[in-house]
Amino acid sequence: GCEVVVSGKLRAARAKSMKFSEGFMVHSG
């Protein structure tokens, strides 16, 4: 699995976060 997060002022003046993910991902333990 893979997860990519890009955050900041991407296009507009307002900052936002974009998440791109695929496959299997564990988050705990």
mmCIF file of all heavy atoms, coordinates in Angstrom:
data_MODEL
# 
_entry.id   MODEL 
# 
loop_
_atom_site.group_PDB 
_atom_site.id 
_atom_site.type_symbol 
_atom_site.label_atom_id 
_atom_site.label_alt_id 
_atom_site.label_comp_id 
_atom_site.label_asym_id 
_atom_site.label_entity_id 
_atom_site.label_seq_id 
_atom_site.pdbx_PDB_ins_code 
_atom_site.Cartn_x 
_atom_site.Cartn_y 
_atom_site.Cartn_z 
_atom_site.occupancy 
_atom_site.B_iso_or_equiv 
_atom_site.pdbx_formal_charge 
_atom_site.auth_seq_id 
_atom_site.auth_comp_id 
_atom_site.auth_asym_id 
_atom_site.auth_atom_id 
_atom_site.pdbx_PDB_model_num 
ATOM 1   N N   . GLY A 1 1  ? 0.830   -1.199 0.000   1.00 0.00 ? 1  GLY A N   1 
ATOM 2   C CA  . GLY A 1 1  ? 0.000   0.000  0.000   1.00 0.00 ? 1  GLY A CA  1 
ATOM 3   C C   . GLY A 1 1  ? 0.862   1.245  0.000   1.00 0.00 ? 1  GLY A C   1 
ATOM 4   O O   . GLY A 1 1  ? 2.046   1.204  0.349   1.00 0.00 ? 1  GLY A O   1 
ATOM 5   N N   . CYS A 1 2  ? 0.270   2.361  -0.395  1.00 0.00 ? 2  CYS A N   1 
ATOM 6   C CA  . CYS A 1 2  ? 0.999   3.633  -0.449  1.00 0.00 ? 2  CYS A CA  1 
ATOM 7   C C   . CYS A 1 2  ? 0.026   4.775  -0.169  1.00 0.00 ? 2  CYS A C   1 
ATOM 8   O O   . CYS A 1 2  ? -1.142  4.727  -0.574  1.00 0.00 ? 2  CYS A O   1 
ATOM 9   C CB  . CYS A 1 2  ? 1.662   3.819  -1.812  1.00 0.00 ? 2  CYS A CB  1 
ATOM 10  S SG  . CYS A 1 2  ? 2.524   5.397  -1.991  1.00 0.00 ? 2  CYS A SG  1 
ATOM 11  N N   . GLU A 1 3  ? 0.524   5.778  0.534   1.00 0.00 ? 3  GLU A N   1 
ATOM 12  C CA  . GLU A 1 3  ? -0.292  6.957  0.833   1.00 0.00 ? 3  GLU A CA  1 
ATOM 13  C C   . GLU A 1 3  ? 0.589   8.205  0.711   1.00 0.00 ? 3  GLU A C   1 
ATOM 14  O O   . GLU A 1 3  ? 1.670   8.266  1.298   1.00 0.00 ? 3  GLU A O   1 
ATOM 15  C CB  . GLU A 1 3  ? -0.877  6.857  2.243   1.00 0.00 ? 3  GLU A CB  1 
ATOM 16  C CG  . GLU A 1 3  ? -1.800  7.993  2.623   1.00 0.00 ? 3  GLU A CG  1 
ATOM 17  C CD  . GLU A 1 3  ? -2.343  7.838  4.033   1.00 0.00 ? 3  GLU A CD  1 
ATOM 18  O OE1 . GLU A 1 3  ? -3.224  6.983  4.234   1.00 0.00 ? 3  GLU A OE1 1 
ATOM 19  O OE2 . GLU A 1 3  ? -1.879  8.551  4.930   1.00 0.00 ? 3  GLU A OE2 1 
ATOM 20  N N   . VAL A 1 4  ? 0.116   9.163  -0.072  1.00 0.00 ? 4  VAL A N   1 
ATOM 21  C CA  . VAL A 1 4  ? 0.844   10.426 -0.269  1.00 0.00 ? 4  VAL A CA  1 
ATOM 22  C C   . VAL A 1 4  ? -0.079  11.570 0.134   1.00 0.00 ? 4  VAL A C   1 
ATOM 23  O O   . VAL A 1 4  ? -1.217  11.648 -0.330  1.00 0.00 ? 4  VAL A O   1 
ATOM 24  C CB  . VAL A 1 4  ? 1.287   10.590 -1.744  1.00 0.00 ? 4  VAL A CB  1 
ATOM 25  C CG1 . VAL A 1 4  ? 1.925   11.955 -1.962  1.00 0.00 ? 4  VAL A CG1 1 
ATOM 26  C CG2 . VAL A 1 4  ? 2.257   9.493  -2.142  1.00 0.00 ? 4  VAL A CG2 1 
ATOM 27  N N   . VAL A 1 5  ? 0.405   12.454 1.014   1.00 0.00 ? 5  VAL A N   1 
ATOM 28  C CA  . VAL A 1 5  ? -0.363  13.619 1.460   1.00 0.00 ? 5  VAL A CA  1 
ATOM 29  C C   . VAL A 1 5  ? 0.434   14.873 1.123   1.00 0.00 ? 5  VAL A C   1 
ATOM 30  O O   . VAL A 1 5  ? 1.598   14.998 1.509   1.00 0.00 ? 5  VAL A O   1 
ATOM 31  C CB  . VAL A 1 5  ? -0.654  13.567 2.981   1.00 0.00 ? 5  VAL A CB  1 
ATOM 32  C CG1 . VAL A 1 5  ? -1.467  14.785 3.402   1.00 0.00 ? 5  VAL A CG1 1 
ATOM 33  C CG2 . VAL A 1 5  ? -1.392  12.289 3.344   1.00 0.00 ? 5  VAL A CG2 1 
ATOM 34  N N   . VAL A 1 6  ? -0.194  15.761 0.379   1.00 0.00 ? 6  VAL A N   1 
ATOM 35  C CA  . VAL A 1 6  ? 0.415   17.058 0.043   1.00 0.00 ? 6  VAL A CA  1 
ATOM 36  C C   . VAL A 1 6  ? -0.475  18.142 0.640   1.00 0.00 ? 6  VAL A C   1 
ATOM 37  O O   . VAL A 1 6  ? -1.670  18.188 0.358   1.00 0.00 ? 6  VAL A O   1 
ATOM 38  C CB  . VAL A 1 6  ? 0.538   17.244 -1.483  1.00 0.00 ? 6  VAL A CB  1 
ATOM 39  C CG1 . VAL A 1 6  ? 1.237   18.556 -1.792  1.00 0.00 ? 6  VAL A CG1 1 
ATOM 40  C CG2 . VAL A 1 6  ? 1.286   16.087 -2.116  1.00 0.00 ? 6  VAL A CG2 1 
ATOM 41  N N   . SER A 1 7  ? 0.098   19.002 1.468   1.00 0.00 ? 7  SER A N   1 
ATOM 42  C CA  . SER A 1 7  ? -0.698  20.031 2.136   1.00 0.00 ? 7  SER A CA  1 
ATOM 43  C C   . SER A 1 7  ? -0.023  21.387 1.982   1.00 0.00 ? 7  SER A C   1 
ATOM 44  O O   . SER A 1 7  ? 1.198   21.492 1.926   1.00 0.00 ? 7  SER A O   1 
ATOM 45  C CB  . SER A 1 7  ? -0.875  19.697 3.624   1.00 0.00 ? 7  SER A CB  1 
ATOM 46  O OG  . SER A 1 7  ? 0.373   19.505 4.239   1.00 0.00 ? 7  SER A OG  1 
ATOM 47  N N   . GLY A 1 8  ? -0.859  22.418 1.911   1.00 0.00 ? 8  GLY A N   1 
ATOM 48  C CA  . GLY A 1 8  ? -0.363  23.788 1.752   1.00 0.00 ? 8  GLY A CA  1 
ATOM 49  C C   . GLY A 1 8  ? -1.201  24.533 0.731   1.00 0.00 ? 8  GLY A C   1 
ATOM 50  O O   . GLY A 1 8  ? -2.297  24.104 0.358   1.00 0.00 ? 8  GLY A O   1 
ATOM 51  N N   . LYS A 1 9  ? -0.681  25.653 0.255   1.00 0.00 ? 9  LYS A N   1 
ATOM 52  C CA  . LYS A 1 9  ? -1.386  26.439 -0.766  1.00 0.00 ? 9  LYS A CA  1 
ATOM 53  C C   . LYS A 1 9  ? -1.095  25.832 -2.139  1.00 0.00 ? 9  LYS A C   1 
ATOM 54  O O   . LYS A 1 9  ? -0.097  26.154 -2.776  1.00 0.00 ? 9  LYS A O   1 
ATOM 55  C CB  . LYS A 1 9  ? -0.943  27.900 -0.703  1.00 0.00 ? 9  LYS A CB  1 
ATOM 56  C CG  . LYS A 1 9  ? -1.482  28.635 0.532   1.00 0.00 ? 9  LYS A CG  1 
ATOM 57  C CD  . LYS A 1 9  ? -1.427  30.126 0.382   1.00 0.00 ? 9  LYS A CD  1 
ATOM 58  C CE  . LYS A 1 9  ? -0.019  30.621 0.593   1.00 0.00 ? 9  LYS A CE  1 
ATOM 59  N NZ  . LYS A 1 9  ? 0.036   32.110 0.620   1.00 0.00 ? 9  LYS A NZ  1 
ATOM 60  N N   . LEU A 1 10 ? -1.983  24.953 -2.564  1.00 0.00 ? 10 LEU A N   1 
ATOM 61  C CA  . LEU A 1 10 ? -1.739  24.216 -3.804  1.00 0.00 ? 10 LEU A CA  1 
ATOM 62  C C   . LEU A 1 10 ? -2.064  25.067 -5.022  1.00 0.00 ? 10 LEU A C   1 
ATOM 63  O O   . LEU A 1 10 ? -1.236  25.275 -5.887  1.00 0.00 ? 10 LEU A O   1 
ATOM 64  C CB  . LEU A 1 10 ? -2.564  22.928 -3.807  1.00 0.00 ? 10 LEU A CB  1 
ATOM 65  C CG  . LEU A 1 10 ? -2.286  21.995 -2.609  1.00 0.00 ? 10 LEU A CG  1 
ATOM 66  C CD1 . LEU A 1 10 ? -3.253  20.831 -2.606  1.00 0.00 ? 10 LEU A CD1 1 
ATOM 67  C CD2 . LEU A 1 10 ? -0.865  21.501 -2.652  1.00 0.00 ? 10 LEU A CD2 1 
ATOM 68  N N   . ARG A 1 11 ? -3.308  25.586 -5.117  1.00 0.00 ? 11 ARG A N   1 
ATOM 69  C CA  . ARG A 1 11 ? -3.679  26.438 -6.247  1.00 0.00 ? 11 ARG A CA  1 
ATOM 70  C C   . ARG A 1 11 ? -4.237  27.767 -5.776  1.00 0.00 ? 11 ARG A C   1 
ATOM 71  O O   . ARG A 1 11 ? -3.756  28.816 -6.144  1.00 0.00 ? 11 ARG A O   1 
ATOM 72  C CB  . ARG A 1 11 ? -4.721  25.722 -7.111  1.00 0.00 ? 11 ARG A CB  1 
ATOM 73  C CG  . ARG A 1 11 ? -4.122  24.644 -8.003  1.00 0.00 ? 11 ARG A CG  1 
ATOM 74  C CD  . ARG A 1 11 ? -5.141  24.159 -9.006  1.00 0.00 ? 11 ARG A CD  1 
ATOM 75  N NE  . ARG A 1 11 ? -4.568  23.165 -9.909  1.00 0.00 ? 11 ARG A NE  1 
ATOM 76  C CZ  . ARG A 1 11 ? -5.240  22.566 -10.864 1.00 0.00 ? 11 ARG A CZ  1 
ATOM 77  N NH1 . ARG A 1 11 ? -6.522  22.871 -11.059 1.00 0.00 ? 11 ARG A NH1 1 
ATOM 78  N NH2 . ARG A 1 11 ? -4.668  21.679 -11.648 1.00 0.00 ? 11 ARG A NH2 1 
ATOM 79  N N   . ALA A 1 12 ? -5.268  27.693 -4.938  1.00 0.00 ? 12 ALA A N   1 
ATOM 80  C CA  . ALA A 1 12 ? -5.891  28.928 -4.457  1.00 0.00 ? 12 ALA A CA  1 
ATOM 81  C C   . ALA A 1 12 ? -5.088  29.496 -3.288  1.00 0.00 ? 12 ALA A C   1 
ATOM 82  O O   . ALA A 1 12 ? -4.101  28.917 -2.842  1.00 0.00 ? 12 ALA A O   1 
ATOM 83  C CB  . ALA A 1 12 ? -7.334  28.647 -4.050  1.00 0.00 ? 12 ALA A CB  1 
ATOM 84  N N   . ALA A 1 13 ? -5.547  30.646 -2.804  1.00 0.00 ? 13 ALA A N   1 
ATOM 85  C CA  . ALA A 1 13 ? -4.863  31.279 -1.677  1.00 0.00 ? 13 ALA A CA  1 
ATOM 86  C C   . ALA A 1 13 ? -5.118  30.522 -0.383  1.00 0.00 ? 13 ALA A C   1 
ATOM 87  O O   . ALA A 1 13 ? -4.341  30.625 0.572   1.00 0.00 ? 13 ALA A O   1 
ATOM 88  C CB  . ALA A 1 13 ? -5.331  32.724 -1.537  1.00 0.00 ? 13 ALA A CB  1 
ATOM 89  N N   . ARG A 1 14 ? -6.207  29.757 -0.351  1.00 0.00 ? 14 ARG A N   1 
ATOM 90  C CA  . ARG A 1 14 ? -6.552  28.985 0.845   1.00 0.00 ? 14 ARG A CA  1 
ATOM 91  C C   . ARG A 1 14 ? -5.765  27.679 0.872   1.00 0.00 ? 14 ARG A C   1 
ATOM 92  O O   . ARG A 1 14 ? -5.695  26.964 -0.137  1.00 0.00 ? 14 ARG A O   1 
ATOM 93  C CB  . ARG A 1 14 ? -8.052  28.691 0.819   1.00 0.00 ? 14 ARG A CB  1 
ATOM 94  C CG  . ARG A 1 14 ? -8.548  27.870 1.979   1.00 0.00 ? 14 ARG A CG  1 
ATOM 95  C CD  . ARG A 1 14 ? -9.047  28.772 3.078   1.00 0.00 ? 14 ARG A CD  1 
ATOM 96  N NE  . ARG A 1 14 ? -9.575  28.002 4.191   1.00 0.00 ? 14 ARG A NE  1 
ATOM 97  C CZ  . ARG A 1 14 ? -10.134 28.555 5.246   1.00 0.00 ? 14 ARG A CZ  1 
ATOM 98  N NH1 . ARG A 1 14 ? -10.249 29.870 5.313   1.00 0.00 ? 14 ARG A NH1 1 
ATOM 99  N NH2 . ARG A 1 14 ? -10.579 27.831 6.229   1.00 0.00 ? 14 ARG A NH2 1 
ATOM 100 N N   . ALA A 1 15 ? -5.156  27.377 2.005   1.00 0.00 ? 15 ALA A N   1 
ATOM 101 C CA  . ALA A 1 15 ? -4.385  26.133 2.128   1.00 0.00 ? 15 ALA A CA  1 
ATOM 102 C C   . ALA A 1 15 ? -5.335  24.956 2.301   1.00 0.00 ? 15 ALA A C   1 
ATOM 103 O O   . ALA A 1 15 ? -6.376  25.060 2.946   1.00 0.00 ? 15 ALA A O   1 
ATOM 104 C CB  . ALA A 1 15 ? -3.439  26.207 3.318   1.00 0.00 ? 15 ALA A CB  1 
ATOM 105 N N   . LYS A 1 16 ? -4.968  23.842 1.723   1.00 0.00 ? 16 LYS A N   1 
ATOM 106 C CA  . LYS A 1 16 ? -5.757  22.620 1.878   1.00 0.00 ? 16 LYS A CA  1 
ATOM 107 C C   . LYS A 1 16 ? -4.825  21.417 1.792   1.00 0.00 ? 16 LYS A C   1 
ATOM 108 O O   . LYS A 1 16 ? -3.633  21.548 1.492   1.00 0.00 ? 16 LYS A O   1 
ATOM 109 C CB  . LYS A 1 16 ? -6.851  22.529 0.819   1.00 0.00 ? 16 LYS A CB  1 
ATOM 110 C CG  . LYS A 1 16 ? -6.357  22.404 -0.604  1.00 0.00 ? 16 LYS A CG  1 
ATOM 111 C CD  . LYS A 1 16 ? -7.532  22.220 -1.553  1.00 0.00 ? 16 LYS A CD  1 
ATOM 112 C CE  . LYS A 1 16 ? -7.039  22.056 -2.984  1.00 0.00 ? 16 LYS A CE  1 
ATOM 113 N NZ  . LYS A 1 16 ? -8.156  21.790 -3.917  1.00 0.00 ? 16 LYS A NZ  1 
ATOM 114 N N   . SER A 1 17 ? -5.405  20.259 2.067   1.00 0.00 ? 17 SER A N   1 
ATOM 115 C CA  . SER A 1 17 ? -4.621  19.026 2.066   1.00 0.00 ? 17 SER A CA  1 
ATOM 116 C C   . SER A 1 17 ? -5.230  18.041 1.076   1.00 0.00 ? 17 SER A C   1 
ATOM 117 O O   . SER A 1 17 ? -6.448  17.887 1.017   1.00 0.00 ? 17 SER A O   1 
ATOM 118 C CB  . SER A 1 17 ? -4.605  18.426 3.475   1.00 0.00 ? 17 SER A CB  1 
ATOM 119 O OG  . SER A 1 17 ? -3.873  17.235 3.490   1.00 0.00 ? 17 SER A OG  1 
ATOM 120 N N   . MET A 1 18 ? -4.370  17.377 0.295   1.00 0.00 ? 18 MET A N   1 
ATOM 121 C CA  . MET A 1 18 ? -4.813  16.378 -0.677  1.00 0.00 ? 18 MET A CA  1 
ATOM 122 C C   . MET A 1 18 ? -4.149  15.050 -0.343  1.00 0.00 ? 18 MET A C   1 
ATOM 123 O O   . MET A 1 18 ? -2.937  14.995 -0.115  1.00 0.00 ? 18 MET A O   1 
ATOM 124 C CB  . MET A 1 18 ? -4.456  16.799 -2.102  1.00 0.00 ? 18 MET A CB  1 
ATOM 125 C CG  . MET A 1 18 ? -5.158  18.066 -2.551  1.00 0.00 ? 18 MET A CG  1 
ATOM 126 S SD  . MET A 1 18 ? -4.627  18.616 -4.197  1.00 0.00 ? 18 MET A SD  1 
ATOM 127 C CE  . MET A 1 18 ? -5.398  17.394 -5.221  1.00 0.00 ? 18 MET A CE  1 
ATOM 128 N N   . LYS A 1 19 ? -4.963  13.995 -0.299  1.00 0.00 ? 19 LYS A N   1 
ATOM 129 C CA  . LYS A 1 19 ? -4.460  12.666 0.049   1.00 0.00 ? 19 LYS A CA  1 
ATOM 130 C C   . LYS A 1 19 ? -4.671  11.724 -1.140  1.00 0.00 ? 19 LYS A C   1 
ATOM 131 O O   . LYS A 1 19 ? -5.757  11.664 -1.706  1.00 0.00 ? 19 LYS A O   1 
ATOM 132 C CB  . LYS A 1 19 ? -5.190  12.126 1.271   1.00 0.00 ? 19 LYS A CB  1 
ATOM 133 C CG  . LYS A 1 19 ? -4.661  10.774 1.757   1.00 0.00 ? 19 LYS A CG  1 
ATOM 134 C CD  . LYS A 1 19 ? -5.482  10.226 2.900   1.00 0.00 ? 19 LYS A CD  1 
ATOM 135 C CE  . LYS A 1 19 ? -5.212  10.962 4.176   1.00 0.00 ? 19 LYS A CE  1 
ATOM 136 N NZ  . LYS A 1 19 ? -5.892  10.312 5.324   1.00 0.00 ? 19 LYS A NZ  1 
ATOM 137 N N   . PHE A 1 20 ? -3.609  10.990 -1.495  1.00 0.00 ? 20 PHE A N   1 
ATOM 138 C CA  . PHE A 1 20 ? -3.653  10.022 -2.585  1.00 0.00 ? 20 PHE A CA  1 
ATOM 139 C C   . PHE A 1 20 ? -3.222  8.676  -2.013  1.00 0.00 ? 20 PHE A C   1 
ATOM 140 O O   . PHE A 1 20 ? -2.109  8.568  -1.484  1.00 0.00 ? 20 PHE A O   1 
ATOM 141 C CB  . PHE A 1 20 ? -2.719  10.434 -3.727  1.00 0.00 ? 20 PHE A CB  1 
ATOM 142 C CG  . PHE A 1 20 ? -2.904  11.859 -4.183  1.00 0.00 ? 20 PHE A CG  1 
ATOM 143 C CD1 . PHE A 1 20 ? -2.205  12.893 -3.585  1.00 0.00 ? 20 PHE A CD1 1 
ATOM 144 C CD2 . PHE A 1 20 ? -3.792  12.160 -5.204  1.00 0.00 ? 20 PHE A CD2 1 
ATOM 145 C CE1 . PHE A 1 20 ? -2.370  14.200 -3.998  1.00 0.00 ? 20 PHE A CE1 1 
ATOM 146 C CE2 . PHE A 1 20 ? -3.961  13.465 -5.624  1.00 0.00 ? 20 PHE A CE2 1 
ATOM 147 C CZ  . PHE A 1 20 ? -3.259  14.486 -5.021  1.00 0.00 ? 20 PHE A CZ  1 
ATOM 148 N N   . SER A 1 21 ? -4.079  7.675  -2.088  1.00 0.00 ? 21 SER A N   1 
ATOM 149 C CA  . SER A 1 21 ? -3.759  6.386  -1.472  1.00 0.00 ? 21 SER A CA  1 
ATOM 150 C C   . SER A 1 21 ? -4.188  5.252  -2.381  1.00 0.00 ? 21 SER A C   1 
ATOM 151 O O   . SER A 1 21 ? -5.101  5.388  -3.204  1.00 0.00 ? 21 SER A O   1 
ATOM 152 C CB  . SER A 1 21 ? -4.434  6.248  -0.106  1.00 0.00 ? 21 SER A CB  1 
ATOM 153 O OG  . SER A 1 21 ? -5.830  6.381  -0.230  1.00 0.00 ? 21 SER A OG  1 
ATOM 154 N N   . GLU A 1 22 ? -3.515  4.132  -2.213  1.00 0.00 ? 22 GLU A N   1 
ATOM 155 C CA  . GLU A 1 22 ? -3.834  2.924  -2.971  1.00 0.00 ? 22 GLU A CA  1 
ATOM 156 C C   . GLU A 1 22 ? -3.336  1.724  -2.185  1.00 0.00 ? 22 GLU A C   1 
ATOM 157 O O   . GLU A 1 22 ? -2.311  1.795  -1.490  1.00 0.00 ? 22 GLU A O   1 
ATOM 158 C CB  . GLU A 1 22 ? -3.172  2.960  -4.357  1.00 0.00 ? 22 GLU A CB  1 
ATOM 159 C CG  . GLU A 1 22 ? -3.636  1.845  -5.289  1.00 0.00 ? 22 GLU A CG  1 
ATOM 160 C CD  . GLU A 1 22 ? -3.033  1.954  -6.676  1.00 0.00 ? 22 GLU A CD  1 
ATOM 161 O OE1 . GLU A 1 22 ? -2.646  3.073  -7.071  1.00 0.00 ? 22 GLU A OE1 1 
ATOM 162 O OE2 . GLU A 1 22 ? -2.944  0.919  -7.350  1.00 0.00 ? 22 GLU A OE2 1 
ATOM 163 N N   . GLY A 1 23 ? -4.082  0.602  -2.264  1.00 0.00 ? 23 GLY A N   1 
ATOM 164 C CA  . GLY A 1 23 ? -3.656  -0.626 -1.611  1.00 0.00 ? 23 GLY A CA  1 
ATOM 165 C C   . GLY A 1 23 ? -4.073  -0.693 -0.156  1.00 0.00 ? 23 GLY A C   1 
ATOM 166 O O   . GLY A 1 23 ? -5.004  -0.031 0.288   1.00 0.00 ? 23 GLY A O   1 
ATOM 167 N N   . PHE A 1 24 ? -3.345  -1.508 0.597   1.00 0.00 ? 24 PHE A N   1 
ATOM 168 C CA  . PHE A 1 24 ? -3.650  -1.823 1.997   1.00 0.00 ? 24 PHE A CA  1 
ATOM 169 C C   . PHE A 1 24 ? -2.681  -1.082 2.905   1.00 0.00 ? 24 PHE A C   1 
ATOM 170 O O   . PHE A 1 24 ? -1.484  -1.023 2.626   1.00 0.00 ? 24 PHE A O   1 
ATOM 171 C CB  . PHE A 1 24 ? -3.547  -3.342 2.194   1.00 0.00 ? 24 PHE A CB  1 
ATOM 172 C CG  . PHE A 1 24 ? -3.754  -3.788 3.604   1.00 0.00 ? 24 PHE A CG  1 
ATOM 173 C CD1 . PHE A 1 24 ? -4.950  -3.594 4.248   1.00 0.00 ? 24 PHE A CD1 1 
ATOM 174 C CD2 . PHE A 1 24 ? -2.727  -4.423 4.289   1.00 0.00 ? 24 PHE A CD2 1 
ATOM 175 C CE1 . PHE A 1 24 ? -5.140  -4.015 5.552   1.00 0.00 ? 24 PHE A CE1 1 
ATOM 176 C CE2 . PHE A 1 24 ? -2.896  -4.850 5.586   1.00 0.00 ? 24 PHE A CE2 1 
ATOM 177 C CZ  . PHE A 1 24 ? -4.112  -4.645 6.217   1.00 0.00 ? 24 PHE A CZ  1 
ATOM 178 N N   . MET A 1 25 ? -3.195  -0.528 3.999   1.00 0.00 ? 25 MET A N   1 
ATOM 179 C CA  . MET A 1 25 ? -2.353  0.258  4.918   1.00 0.00 ? 25 MET A CA  1 
ATOM 180 C C   . MET A 1 25 ? -2.826  0.035  6.350   1.00 0.00 ? 25 MET A C   1 
ATOM 181 O O   . MET A 1 25 ? -4.019  0.165  6.638   1.00 0.00 ? 25 MET A O   1 
ATOM 182 C CB  . MET A 1 25 ? -2.441  1.745  4.555   1.00 0.00 ? 25 MET A CB  1 
ATOM 183 C CG  . MET A 1 25 ? -1.579  2.652  5.398   1.00 0.00 ? 25 MET A CG  1 
ATOM 184 S SD  . MET A 1 25 ? 0.164   2.609  4.971   1.00 0.00 ? 25 MET A SD  1 
ATOM 185 C CE  . MET A 1 25 ? 0.138   3.193  3.303   1.00 0.00 ? 25 MET A CE  1 
ATOM 186 N N   . VAL A 1 26 ? -1.903  -0.315 7.255   1.00 0.00 ? 26 VAL A N   1 
ATOM 187 C CA  . VAL A 1 26 ? -2.236  -0.426 8.672   1.00 0.00 ? 26 VAL A CA  1 
ATOM 188 C C   . VAL A 1 26 ? -1.821  0.869  9.372   1.00 0.00 ? 26 VAL A C   1 
ATOM 189 O O   . VAL A 1 26 ? -0.841  1.509  8.987   1.00 0.00 ? 26 VAL A O   1 
ATOM 190 C CB  . VAL A 1 26 ? -1.542  -1.638 9.333   1.00 0.00 ? 26 VAL A CB  1 
ATOM 191 C CG1 . VAL A 1 26 ? -2.088  -2.939 8.804   1.00 0.00 ? 26 VAL A CG1 1 
ATOM 192 C CG2 . VAL A 1 26 ? -0.046  -1.582 9.151   1.00 0.00 ? 26 VAL A CG2 1 
ATOM 193 N N   . HIS A 1 27 ? -2.598  1.253  10.385  1.00 0.00 ? 27 HIS A N   1 
ATOM 194 C CA  . HIS A 1 27 ? -2.355  2.536  11.052  1.00 0.00 ? 27 HIS A CA  1 
ATOM 195 C C   . HIS A 1 27 ? -2.042  2.402  12.537  1.00 0.00 ? 27 HIS A C   1 
ATOM 196 O O   . HIS A 1 27 ? -1.700  3.396  13.176  1.00 0.00 ? 27 HIS A O   1 
ATOM 197 C CB  . HIS A 1 27 ? -3.580  3.438  10.882  1.00 0.00 ? 27 HIS A CB  1 
ATOM 198 C CG  . HIS A 1 27 ? -3.859  3.806  9.455   1.00 0.00 ? 27 HIS A CG  1 
ATOM 199 N ND1 . HIS A 1 27 ? -3.219  4.848  8.814   1.00 0.00 ? 27 HIS A ND1 1 
ATOM 200 C CD2 . HIS A 1 27 ? -4.671  3.260  8.526   1.00 0.00 ? 27 HIS A CD2 1 
ATOM 201 C CE1 . HIS A 1 27 ? -3.651  4.939  7.565   1.00 0.00 ? 27 HIS A CE1 1 
ATOM 202 N NE2 . HIS A 1 27 ? -4.530  3.969  7.361   1.00 0.00 ? 27 HIS A NE2 1 
ATOM 203 N N   . SER A 1 28 ? -2.228  1.218  13.109  1.00 0.00 ? 28 SER A N   1 
ATOM 204 C CA  . SER A 1 28 ? -2.039  1.091  14.555  1.00 0.00 ? 28 SER A CA  1 
ATOM 205 C C   . SER A 1 28 ? -1.363  -0.231 14.887  1.00 0.00 ? 28 SER A C   1 
ATOM 206 O O   . SER A 1 28 ? -1.312  -1.151 14.060  1.00 0.00 ? 28 SER A O   1 
ATOM 207 C CB  . SER A 1 28 ? -3.394  1.170  15.280  1.00 0.00 ? 28 SER A CB  1 
ATOM 208 O OG  . SER A 1 28 ? -4.238  0.118  14.850  1.00 0.00 ? 28 SER A OG  1 
ATOM 209 N N   . GLY A 1 29 ? -0.868  -0.303 16.119  1.00 0.00 ? 29 GLY A N   1 
ATOM 210 C CA  . GLY A 1 29 ? -0.240  -1.534 16.592  1.00 0.00 ? 29 GLY A CA  1 
ATOM 211 C C   . GLY A 1 29 ? 1.210   -1.668 16.172  1.00 0.00 ? 29 GLY A C   1 
ATOM 212 O O   . GLY A 1 29 ? 1.793   -0.785 15.530  1.00 0.00 ? 29 GLY A O   1 
# 
